[in-house]
Amino acid sequence: MNLQQILIANLKKYRKEQGISQMSLSEKCDTTSNYIGQIEMGRRIPSFEKIEKIAEALKIPPSLLFLDESAAEKGEKKPDAKDYLQKMPANVKKELYSRFLVLMKSDITALLDPKEY
């Protein structure tokens, strides 16, 4: 399965496990049910922002949307983050790295916030 197929399978799986309709999910993600349907049919590829909103609406970490569980069922080695990163285009790696740094900075700032002590 390619990464888009994994995303589609996991989106459907988590949405259905939680009993959430495409319409309900779309409302939580501030988009249309048509857009969610197009993602699930493989006609649209969501942006990083939409993936984050979808994961938040499903109350799961975004990484679960890209976990290939079929590989484990077949006894195949699950690709780890390093495998995904090696195959990613340079511009996508750069965007992920940038977002990671922003998140780390905000987490560290929150931990060191003097109001917390």
C-alpha atoms as a PDB file:
ATOM      1  CA  MET A   1       0.000   0.000   0.000  1.00  0.00           C
ATOM      2  CA  ASN A   2       1.242   3.485  -0.738  1.00  0.00           C
ATOM      3  CA  LEU A   3       1.070   6.308   1.805  1.00  0.00           C
ATOM      4  CA  GLN A   4      -2.161   7.782   0.394  1.00  0.00           C
ATOM      5  CA  GLN A   5      -3.882   4.380   0.551  1.00  0.00           C
ATOM      6  CA  ILE A   6      -2.729   3.962   4.158  1.00  0.00           C
ATOM      7  CA  LEU A   7      -4.115   7.413   5.024  1.00  0.00           C
ATOM      8  CA  ILE A   8      -7.446   6.577   3.380  1.00  0.00           C
ATOM      9  CA  ALA A   9      -7.745   3.188   5.116  1.00  0.00           C
ATOM     10  CA  ASN A  10      -6.890   4.625   8.525  1.00  0.00           C
ATOM     11  CA  LEU A  11      -9.163   7.656   8.127  1.00  0.00           C
ATOM     12  CA  LYS A  12     -12.103   5.390   7.318  1.00  0.00           C
ATOM     13  CA  LYS A  13     -11.178   2.954  10.094  1.00  0.00           C
ATOM     14  CA  TYR A  14     -10.935   5.535  12.883  1.00  0.00           C
ATOM     15  CA  ARG A  15     -13.963   7.487  11.661  1.00  0.00           C
ATOM     16  CA  LYS A  16     -16.129   4.361  11.535  1.00  0.00           C
ATOM     17  CA  GLU A  17     -14.786   2.964  14.834  1.00  0.00           C
ATOM     18  CA  GLN A  18     -15.936   6.162  16.502  1.00  0.00           C
ATOM     19  CA  GLY A  19     -19.283   6.161  14.678  1.00  0.00           C
ATOM     20  CA  ILE A  20     -18.585   9.546  13.099  1.00  0.00           C
ATOM     21  CA  SER A  21     -20.186  10.324   9.749  1.00  0.00           C
ATOM     22  CA  GLN A  22     -18.363  12.193   7.007  1.00  0.00           C
ATOM     23  CA  MET A  23     -20.701  15.114   7.674  1.00  0.00           C
ATOM     24  CA  SER A  24     -19.917  15.176  11.399  1.00  0.00           C
ATOM     25  CA  LEU A  25     -16.184  14.891  10.769  1.00  0.00           C
ATOM     26  CA  SER A  26     -16.318  17.655   8.185  1.00  0.00           C
ATOM     27  CA  GLU A  27     -18.036  19.979  10.653  1.00  0.00           C
ATOM     28  CA  LYS A  28     -15.340  19.310  13.265  1.00  0.00           C
ATOM     29  CA  CYS A  29     -12.651  20.017  10.652  1.00  0.00           C
ATOM     30  CA  ASP A  30     -14.300  23.154   9.253  1.00  0.00           C
ATOM     31  CA  THR A  31     -14.672  21.681   5.769  1.00  0.00           C
ATOM     32  CA  THR A  32     -17.370  19.984   3.689  1.00  0.00           C
ATOM     33  CA  SER A  33     -18.506  16.367   3.765  1.00  0.00           C
ATOM     34  CA  ASN A  34     -17.779  16.300   0.033  1.00  0.00           C
ATOM     35  CA  TYR A  35     -14.112  17.077   0.784  1.00  0.00           C
ATOM     36  CA  ILE A  36     -13.882  14.259   3.361  1.00  0.00           C
ATOM     37  CA  GLY A  37     -15.553  11.916   0.864  1.00  0.00           C
ATOM     38  CA  GLN A  38     -13.072  12.892  -1.835  1.00  0.00           C
ATOM     39  CA  ILE A  39     -10.173  12.173   0.535  1.00  0.00           C
ATOM     40  CA  GLU A  40     -11.656   8.754   1.342  1.00  0.00           C
ATOM     41  CA  MET A  41     -12.069   7.999  -2.377  1.00  0.00           C
ATOM     42  CA  GLY A  42      -8.484   9.063  -3.125  1.00  0.00           C
ATOM     43  CA  ARG A  43      -9.502  12.032  -5.249  1.00  0.00           C
ATOM     44  CA  ARG A  44      -8.048  14.661  -2.889  1.00  0.00           C
ATOM     45  CA  ILE A  45      -4.906  14.725  -0.775  1.00  0.00           C
ATOM     46  CA  PRO A  46      -5.321  16.784   2.392  1.00  0.00           C
ATOM     47  CA  SER A  47      -2.787  19.400   3.450  1.00  0.00           C
ATOM     48  CA  PHE A  48      -0.782  18.990   6.646  1.00  0.00           C
ATOM     49  CA  GLU A  49      -3.169  21.421   8.318  1.00  0.00           C
ATOM     50  CA  LYS A  50      -6.212  19.339   7.342  1.00  0.00           C
ATOM     51  CA  ILE A  51      -4.521  16.128   8.469  1.00  0.00           C
ATOM     52  CA  GLU A  52      -3.873  17.748  11.847  1.00  0.00           C
ATOM     53  CA  LYS A  53      -7.513  18.908  12.079  1.00  0.00           C
ATOM     54  CA  ILE A  54      -8.805  15.475  11.088  1.00  0.00           C
ATOM     55  CA  ALA A  55      -6.620  13.780  13.697  1.00  0.00           C
ATOM     56  CA  GLU A  56      -7.709  16.289  16.333  1.00  0.00           C
ATOM     57  CA  ALA A  57     -11.368  15.700  15.465  1.00  0.00           C
ATOM     58  CA  LEU A  58     -10.810  11.930  15.729  1.00  0.00           C
ATOM     59  CA  LYS A  59      -8.861  12.475  18.979  1.00  0.00           C
ATOM     60  CA  ILE A  60      -5.834  10.550  17.725  1.00  0.00           C
ATOM     61  CA  PRO A  61      -2.214  11.515  17.033  1.00  0.00           C
ATOM     62  CA  PRO A  62      -1.748  12.426  13.343  1.00  0.00           C
ATOM     63  CA  SER A  63       0.888   9.695  13.025  1.00  0.00           C
ATOM     64  CA  LEU A  64      -1.808   7.013  13.444  1.00  0.00           C
ATOM     65  CA  LEU A  65      -3.290   8.090  10.127  1.00  0.00           C
ATOM     66  CA  PHE A  66      -0.062   6.898   8.452  1.00  0.00           C
ATOM     67  CA  LEU A  67       0.504   3.646  10.362  1.00  0.00           C
ATOM     68  CA  ASP A  68       0.536   0.671   7.984  1.00  0.00           C
ATOM     69  CA  GLU A  69      -1.102  -2.082  10.009  1.00  0.00           C
ATOM     70  CA  SER A  70      -1.459  -4.345   6.964  1.00  0.00           C
ATOM     71  CA  ALA A  71       2.337  -4.801   6.879  1.00  0.00           C
ATOM     72  CA  ALA A  72       2.302  -6.222  10.414  1.00  0.00           C
ATOM     73  CA  GLU A  73      -0.569  -8.558   9.547  1.00  0.00           C
ATOM     74  CA  LYS A  74       1.468  -9.966   6.654  1.00  0.00           C
ATOM     75  CA  GLY A  75       4.492 -10.376   8.893  1.00  0.00           C
ATOM     76  CA  GLU A  76       6.346  -7.596   7.106  1.00  0.00           C
ATOM     77  CA  LYS A  77       8.598  -5.187   8.925  1.00  0.00           C
ATOM     78  CA  LYS A  78       6.727  -1.993   9.660  1.00  0.00           C
ATOM     79  CA  PRO A  79       8.505   1.010   8.228  1.00  0.00           C
ATOM     80  CA  ASP A  80       9.709   3.343  10.909  1.00  0.00           C
ATOM     81  CA  ALA A  81       9.978   7.124  10.788  1.00  0.00           C
ATOM     82  CA  LYS A  82      13.462   6.893   9.282  1.00  0.00           C
ATOM     83  CA  ASP A  83      12.112   4.850   6.349  1.00  0.00           C
ATOM     84  CA  TYR A  84       9.382   7.428   5.672  1.00  0.00           C
ATOM     85  CA  LEU A  85      11.792  10.344   5.959  1.00  0.00           C
ATOM     86  CA  GLN A  86      14.266   8.799   3.525  1.00  0.00           C
ATOM     87  CA  LYS A  87      11.543   8.487   0.898  1.00  0.00           C
ATOM     88  CA  MET A  88      10.069  11.964   1.392  1.00  0.00           C
ATOM     89  CA  PRO A  89      10.762  14.784  -1.043  1.00  0.00           C
ATOM     90  CA  ALA A  90      13.213  17.363   0.303  1.00  0.00           C
ATOM     91  CA  ASN A  91      10.600  20.146   0.452  1.00  0.00           C
ATOM     92  CA  VAL A  92       8.283  17.980   2.588  1.00  0.00           C
ATOM     93  CA  LYS A  93      11.153  17.075   4.942  1.00  0.00           C
ATOM     94  CA  LYS A  94      11.972  20.763   5.303  1.00  0.00           C
ATOM     95  CA  GLU A  95       8.337  21.608   6.138  1.00  0.00           C
ATOM     96  CA  LEU A  96       8.106  18.807   8.719  1.00  0.00           C
ATOM     97  CA  TYR A  97      11.388  19.872  10.307  1.00  0.00           C
ATOM     98  CA  SER A  98      10.196  23.463  10.515  1.00  0.00           C
ATOM     99  CA  ARG A  99       6.893  22.453  12.125  1.00  0.00           C
ATOM    100  CA  PHE A 100       8.692  20.127  14.526  1.00  0.00           C
ATOM    101  CA  LEU A 101      10.952  22.949  15.705  1.00  0.00           C
ATOM    102  CA  VAL A 102       7.969  25.242  16.284  1.00  0.00           C
ATOM    103  CA  LEU A 103       6.178  22.559  18.324  1.00  0.00           C
ATOM    104  CA  MET A 104       9.302  21.762  20.348  1.00  0.00           C
ATOM    105  CA  LYS A 105       9.868  25.438  21.081  1.00  0.00           C
ATOM    106  CA  SER A 106       6.284  25.885  22.308  1.00  0.00           C
ATOM    107  CA  ASP A 107       6.523  22.712  24.459  1.00  0.00           C
ATOM    108  CA  ILE A 108       9.797  23.828  26.019  1.00  0.00           C
ATOM    109  CA  THR A 109       8.438  27.323  26.605  1.00  0.00           C
ATOM    110  CA  ALA A 110       5.380  25.863  28.323  1.00  0.00           C
ATOM    111  CA  LEU A 111       7.578  23.676  30.538  1.00  0.00           C
ATOM    112  CA  LEU A 112       9.782  26.579  31.536  1.00  0.00           C
ATOM    113  CA  ASP A 113       6.955  29.049  32.026  1.00  0.00           C
ATOM    114  CA  PRO A 114       7.482  30.604  35.477  1.00  0.00           C
ATOM    115  CA  LYS A 115       3.703  30.644  36.031  1.00  0.00           C
ATOM    116  CA  GLU A 116       3.865  26.861  36.264  1.00  0.00           C
ATOM    117  CA  TYR A 117       6.211  26.898  39.306  1.00  0.00           C
END
